[in-house]
Protein backbone atom coordinates (compact mmCIF):
# COMPACT_ATOMS: atom_id res chain seq x y z
CA UNK A 1 77.80 71.08 136.46
CA UNK A 2 78.03 72.64 132.99
CA UNK A 3 75.46 71.62 130.40
CA UNK A 4 77.64 72.67 127.46
CA UNK A 5 78.04 70.10 124.72
CA UNK A 6 81.11 68.90 122.85
CA UNK A 7 80.81 67.09 119.53
CA UNK A 8 83.11 65.48 116.96
CA UNK A 9 83.40 66.59 113.32
CA UNK A 10 85.82 64.70 111.04
CA UNK A 11 87.78 63.40 114.02
CA UNK A 12 88.12 66.77 115.78
CA UNK A 13 86.40 67.72 119.03
CA UNK A 14 84.39 70.95 118.87
CA UNK A 15 83.07 72.78 121.91
CA UNK A 16 82.02 73.84 124.39
CA UNK A 17 78.71 74.69 122.70
CA UNK A 18 75.79 76.21 124.60
CA UNK A 19 72.26 74.78 124.50
CA UNK A 20 70.87 77.29 121.97
CA UNK A 21 73.79 76.86 119.56
CA UNK A 22 73.56 73.08 119.97
CA UNK A 23 69.85 73.19 119.07
CA UNK A 24 70.66 75.21 115.96
CA UNK A 25 73.32 72.64 114.96
CA UNK A 26 70.69 69.92 115.35
CA UNK A 27 68.24 71.80 113.11
CA UNK A 28 70.83 72.36 110.37
CA UNK A 29 71.85 68.70 110.44
CA UNK A 30 75.44 69.38 111.54
CA UNK A 31 74.77 67.18 114.55
CA UNK A 32 72.91 63.98 113.69
CA UNK A 33 71.95 60.92 115.69
CA UNK A 34 75.30 59.26 114.83
CA UNK A 35 77.47 62.29 115.76
CA UNK A 36 79.65 61.61 118.82
CA UNK A 37 78.80 64.00 121.69
CA UNK A 38 79.84 64.50 125.29
CA UNK A 39 78.87 66.73 128.20
CA UNK A 40 79.64 66.80 131.93
CA UNK A 41 78.13 63.80 133.69
CA UNK A 42 78.58 61.41 130.77
CA UNK A 43 81.07 58.59 131.23
CA UNK A 44 82.24 58.56 127.62
CA UNK A 45 81.50 59.94 124.16
CA UNK A 46 78.27 58.57 122.69
CA UNK A 47 76.40 58.93 119.42
CA UNK A 48 73.88 61.72 120.03
CA UNK A 49 70.96 59.35 119.38
CA UNK A 50 72.04 57.28 122.41
CA UNK A 51 72.73 60.21 124.75
CA UNK A 52 70.11 60.64 127.49
CA UNK A 53 67.19 62.83 126.42
CA UNK A 54 68.48 63.09 122.86
CA UNK A 55 65.51 61.44 121.19
CA UNK A 56 63.14 64.14 122.39
CA UNK A 57 65.39 66.90 121.03
CA UNK A 58 66.19 65.33 117.64
CA UNK A 59 64.38 67.02 114.77
CA UNK A 60 62.62 64.61 112.44
CA UNK A 61 64.99 63.34 109.79
CA UNK A 62 64.06 63.71 106.15
CA UNK A 63 63.69 60.21 104.72
CA UNK A 64 66.29 59.37 102.11
CA UNK A 65 64.90 59.53 98.61
CA UNK A 66 65.42 56.45 96.48
CA UNK A 67 68.24 57.19 94.11
CA UNK A 68 69.52 60.18 96.09
CA UNK A 69 73.24 60.83 95.54
CA UNK A 70 75.13 59.40 98.55
CA UNK A 71 78.37 61.28 97.75
CA UNK A 72 79.71 63.97 100.04
CA UNK A 73 78.85 67.52 99.02
CA UNK A 74 82.54 68.24 98.36
CA UNK A 75 83.22 64.94 96.51
CA UNK A 76 84.10 66.78 93.29
CA UNK A 77 87.09 68.53 94.89
CA UNK A 78 90.66 67.31 95.36
CA UNK A 79 90.41 66.64 99.12
CA UNK A 80 86.70 65.80 99.04
CA UNK A 81 87.26 62.98 96.54
CA UNK A 82 89.72 61.33 98.92
CA UNK A 83 87.27 61.57 101.82
CA UNK A 84 84.37 60.36 99.68
CA UNK A 85 86.39 57.47 98.26
CA UNK A 86 87.21 56.16 101.73
CA UNK A 87 83.76 56.97 103.16
CA UNK A 88 82.12 54.85 100.43
CA UNK A 89 84.89 52.24 100.14
CA UNK A 90 82.48 49.31 99.85
CA UNK A 91 79.76 51.08 97.86
CA UNK A 92 79.49 49.09 94.64
CA UNK A 93 75.85 50.00 93.94
CA UNK A 94 75.75 53.73 93.17
CA UNK A 95 77.47 56.17 90.80
CA UNK A 96 80.55 58.43 90.78
CA UNK A 97 81.13 61.18 88.21
CA UNK A 98 84.37 62.02 86.39
CA UNK A 99 85.83 64.45 88.99
CA UNK A 100 85.19 62.01 91.84
CA UNK A 101 86.89 59.23 89.89
CA UNK A 102 89.88 61.15 88.52
CA UNK A 103 90.66 62.99 91.77
CA UNK A 104 90.67 59.64 93.57
CA UNK A 105 92.94 58.15 90.87
CA UNK A 106 95.33 61.08 91.42
CA UNK A 107 95.28 60.48 95.19
CA UNK A 108 96.03 56.79 94.63
CA UNK A 109 98.95 57.70 92.37
CA UNK A 110 100.34 60.21 94.91
CA UNK A 111 100.02 57.70 97.77
CA UNK A 112 101.79 54.98 95.77
CA UNK A 113 104.65 57.36 94.86
CA UNK A 114 105.02 58.40 98.50
CA UNK A 115 104.98 54.76 99.65
CA UNK A 116 107.64 53.82 97.06
CA UNK A 117 109.80 56.74 98.20
CA UNK A 118 109.54 55.67 101.85
CA UNK A 119 110.35 52.05 100.93
CA UNK A 120 113.39 53.20 98.94
CA UNK A 121 114.52 55.44 101.82
CA UNK A 122 114.43 52.58 104.32
CA UNK A 123 116.28 50.21 101.99
CA UNK A 124 113.56 48.04 100.44
CA UNK A 125 113.90 49.37 96.91
CA UNK A 126 110.74 50.67 95.33
CA UNK A 127 108.51 47.88 96.69
CA UNK A 128 108.38 47.00 100.33
CA UNK A 129 106.13 46.92 103.39
CA UNK A 130 104.95 50.54 103.09
CA UNK A 131 103.99 50.01 99.45
CA UNK A 132 102.15 46.84 100.39
CA UNK A 133 100.22 48.65 103.12
CA UNK A 134 99.37 51.50 100.74
CA UNK A 135 98.12 49.02 98.14
CA UNK A 136 95.95 47.28 100.71
CA UNK A 137 94.62 50.62 101.98
CA UNK A 138 93.56 52.00 98.59
CA UNK A 139 92.82 48.74 96.73
CA UNK A 140 89.18 48.22 97.63
CA UNK A 141 88.26 51.94 97.54
CA UNK A 142 89.85 52.21 94.06
CA UNK A 143 87.88 49.21 92.80
CA UNK A 144 84.69 50.65 94.32
CA UNK A 145 85.12 54.09 92.73
CA UNK A 146 85.92 52.41 89.39
CA UNK A 147 82.76 50.32 89.58
CA UNK A 148 80.71 53.42 90.46
CA UNK A 149 82.28 55.21 87.48
CA UNK A 150 81.17 52.39 85.17
CA UNK A 151 77.67 52.71 86.62
CA UNK A 152 77.67 56.46 85.87
CA UNK A 153 78.19 55.80 82.15
CA UNK A 154 75.50 53.10 82.14
CA UNK A 155 77.77 50.04 82.18
CA UNK A 156 77.91 47.20 84.63
CA UNK A 157 80.75 47.32 87.17
CA UNK A 158 82.13 44.06 85.79
CA UNK A 159 83.74 46.14 83.03
CA UNK A 160 86.60 46.96 85.43
CA UNK A 161 87.83 43.41 84.86
CA UNK A 162 88.82 44.38 81.32
CA UNK A 163 92.07 45.67 82.83
CA UNK A 164 93.18 42.03 82.90
CA UNK A 165 93.70 42.30 79.12
CA UNK A 166 97.20 43.81 78.69
CA UNK A 167 97.36 47.36 77.29
CA UNK A 168 93.97 47.27 75.54
CA UNK A 169 92.16 46.86 78.88
CA UNK A 170 93.96 49.89 80.31
CA UNK A 171 93.11 52.00 77.25
CA UNK A 172 89.43 50.97 77.40
CA UNK A 173 89.24 51.88 81.11
CA UNK A 174 90.81 55.30 80.47
CA UNK A 175 88.26 55.95 77.71
CA UNK A 176 85.41 54.84 79.99
CA UNK A 177 86.80 57.03 82.80
CA UNK A 178 86.74 60.04 80.47
CA UNK A 179 83.26 59.35 79.09
CA UNK A 180 80.54 61.76 80.20
CA UNK A 181 78.08 60.18 82.61
CA UNK A 182 74.40 59.72 81.87
CA UNK A 183 72.46 62.84 82.83
CA UNK A 184 69.34 60.92 83.76
CA UNK A 185 68.74 58.33 86.46
CA UNK A 186 69.69 54.79 85.56
CA UNK A 187 69.46 51.44 87.36
CA UNK A 188 72.25 52.54 89.75
CA UNK A 189 70.52 55.72 90.91
CA UNK A 190 70.25 59.40 90.21
CA UNK A 191 73.10 61.23 88.49
CA UNK A 192 75.82 62.42 90.90
CA UNK A 193 76.09 66.13 91.68
CA UNK A 194 78.11 67.81 88.96
């Protein structure tokens, strides 16, 4: 029976990985207690922390610092902002900087255009079931990233409700979205990575 490991990264299975390489992945934090793993003899994929003998092999985890930036390391990139927006889709308590916000706005715009095109192609005009599903899929993450953006400039997240005011609300939100974030920690945490 092989003792090689397989693990999942962003939905893709990686492996086989030998014991020494697996230990090095543990030390670097690539494999954590919540990473899905599998090896011969296991019935199904399990989080590494629940796999037999895993607790003894897990390196001690650094405790999270209060106010530490929870965003992905690549959250300031085009693709990273999409991943970060959906990974933190119910995070209304921290901060997001300008690139994280504007890249996610661009993704939302692209997804809505694509959904409208698909609806038009299948005969529903520019609003139909695909557009509705796209709106549902990106609605809460867009609100969350907007609230985090308000937090980054030192404002309460309730400011996103100003968009209810026709035209003026939209202009105010664009100005707030373009405003440079506070460079020091505020009540919503440490400044995001720039």
